[in-house]
Amino acid sequence: MTARLSIRRGSIYLSAEACDTYFRGLDAVIVLIRNDALHVLPVQQMTAGGHLLKMRNAKGDRVVSAPDVFLEYGLADWESDDLAAHWSADHGALVCTLPKMQTKFA
């Protein structure tokens, strides 16, 4: 299954369906950017840290605020809607390839 997500100014917007499929029953995720891809990993215990999966609306859509991650790669103000993401068993994460862009590491 392919999920769709949006990114706006350091926040990741996930549909209720995507959260139910990949992060059911979880309250936090780890957000990483590596190899030109965004990785959203489930956190099984809140004491392990991570970013909160905040409820966005009554439908169950969620938002993860991770401005520190995007700022580190020069993407603090970057926005994109309707990005394709897929589950990677190898990484244990929902992975979204980011469009090629000029970052401070590129």
Protein backbone atom coordinates (compact mmCIF):
# COMPACT_ATOMS: atom_id res chain seq x y z
CA MET A 1 0.00 0.00 0.00
CA THR A 2 1.18 3.49 -0.81
CA ALA A 3 0.41 6.30 1.61
CA ARG A 4 0.16 9.96 0.72
CA LEU A 5 1.51 12.66 2.99
CA SER A 6 2.11 16.38 3.00
CA ILE A 7 4.98 18.36 4.47
CA ARG A 8 4.62 21.98 5.52
CA ARG A 9 7.27 24.00 7.35
CA GLY A 10 8.70 21.11 9.36
CA SER A 11 5.44 19.26 9.97
CA ILE A 12 4.34 15.98 8.39
CA TYR A 13 0.62 15.54 7.74
CA LEU A 14 -0.67 11.95 7.68
CA SER A 15 -4.16 10.73 6.91
CA ALA A 16 -6.12 8.68 9.43
CA GLU A 17 -5.86 5.72 7.06
CA ALA A 18 -2.06 5.93 6.89
CA CYS A 19 -1.77 6.20 10.67
CA ASP A 20 -4.14 3.29 11.19
CA THR A 21 -2.15 1.17 8.73
CA TYR A 22 1.39 1.97 9.87
CA PHE A 23 1.18 3.50 13.36
CA ARG A 24 -1.97 2.02 14.94
CA GLY A 25 -2.06 2.55 18.69
CA LEU A 26 1.13 4.61 18.75
CA ASP A 27 1.56 8.13 20.07
CA ALA A 28 5.08 8.90 18.82
CA VAL A 29 7.38 8.39 15.85
CA ILE A 30 11.01 9.03 15.03
CA VAL A 31 11.62 11.31 12.03
CA LEU A 32 14.87 11.06 10.07
CA ILE A 33 16.13 12.29 6.73
CA ARG A 34 18.81 10.11 5.16
CA ASN A 35 19.80 9.28 1.60
CA ASP A 36 17.40 11.91 0.18
CA ALA A 37 14.42 10.23 1.85
CA LEU A 38 12.20 10.99 4.80
CA HIS A 39 11.87 8.06 7.24
CA VAL A 40 9.05 7.92 9.80
CA LEU A 41 9.66 5.10 12.28
CA PRO A 42 7.21 3.85 14.90
CA VAL A 43 8.10 4.25 18.57
CA GLN A 44 6.66 1.47 20.71
CA GLN A 45 7.26 3.19 24.07
CA MET A 46 6.90 6.91 24.68
CA THR A 47 9.86 6.82 27.07
CA ALA A 48 12.05 6.04 24.04
CA GLY A 49 11.48 9.59 22.79
CA GLY A 50 10.49 10.72 19.33
CA HIS A 51 7.96 13.21 18.02
CA LEU A 52 4.29 13.15 19.04
CA LEU A 53 1.64 12.01 16.57
CA LYS A 54 -0.86 14.77 17.34
CA MET A 55 -4.53 14.40 16.47
CA ARG A 56 -5.39 16.95 13.79
CA ASN A 57 -9.14 16.56 13.42
CA ALA A 58 -12.15 14.40 14.34
CA LYS A 59 -11.54 12.21 11.29
CA GLY A 60 -8.30 10.99 12.87
CA ASP A 61 -5.77 12.68 10.60
CA ARG A 62 -2.51 13.36 12.41
CA VAL A 63 0.41 15.73 12.27
CA VAL A 64 4.01 15.26 13.41
CA SER A 65 5.91 18.45 14.15
CA ALA A 66 9.64 17.91 13.52
CA PRO A 67 11.07 21.29 12.57
CA ASP A 68 14.48 20.40 14.02
CA VAL A 69 14.90 17.56 11.50
CA PHE A 70 13.99 19.70 8.50
CA LEU A 71 16.02 22.68 9.75
CA GLU A 72 19.15 20.52 9.93
CA TYR A 73 18.87 19.87 6.18
CA GLY A 74 17.96 23.44 5.22
CA LEU A 75 14.31 22.50 4.64
CA ALA A 76 12.64 24.45 7.45
CA ASP A 77 10.34 26.39 5.10
CA TRP A 78 9.88 23.67 2.48
CA GLU A 79 6.34 22.59 1.58
CA SER A 80 4.97 19.82 -0.60
CA ASP A 81 1.57 18.17 -0.87
CA ASP A 82 0.59 14.68 -1.92
CA LEU A 83 3.95 12.92 -1.63
CA ALA A 84 4.01 9.15 -2.10
CA ALA A 85 5.36 7.06 0.77
CA HIS A 86 5.73 3.32 1.21
CA TRP A 87 6.52 0.96 4.05
CA SER A 88 10.09 -0.34 3.99
CA ALA A 89 10.55 -3.56 5.94
CA ASP A 90 14.33 -3.12 5.56
CA HIS A 91 14.21 0.22 7.39
CA GLY A 92 11.18 -0.49 9.59
CA ALA A 93 9.80 2.86 8.48
CA LEU A 94 7.36 4.70 6.28
CA VAL A 95 9.69 6.10 3.62
CA CYS A 96 9.11 9.04 1.29
CA THR A 97 11.70 9.95 -1.33
CA LEU A 98 12.21 13.70 -1.25
CA PRO A 99 12.43 15.61 -4.51
CA LYS A 100 15.95 16.63 -5.47
CA MET A 101 16.56 20.06 -4.05
CA GLN A 102 19.42 22.24 -3.01
CA THR A 103 20.13 21.74 0.69
CA LYS A 104 23.12 22.76 2.73
CA PHE A 105 24.43 19.18 2.30
CA ALA A 106 23.86 18.90 -1.46
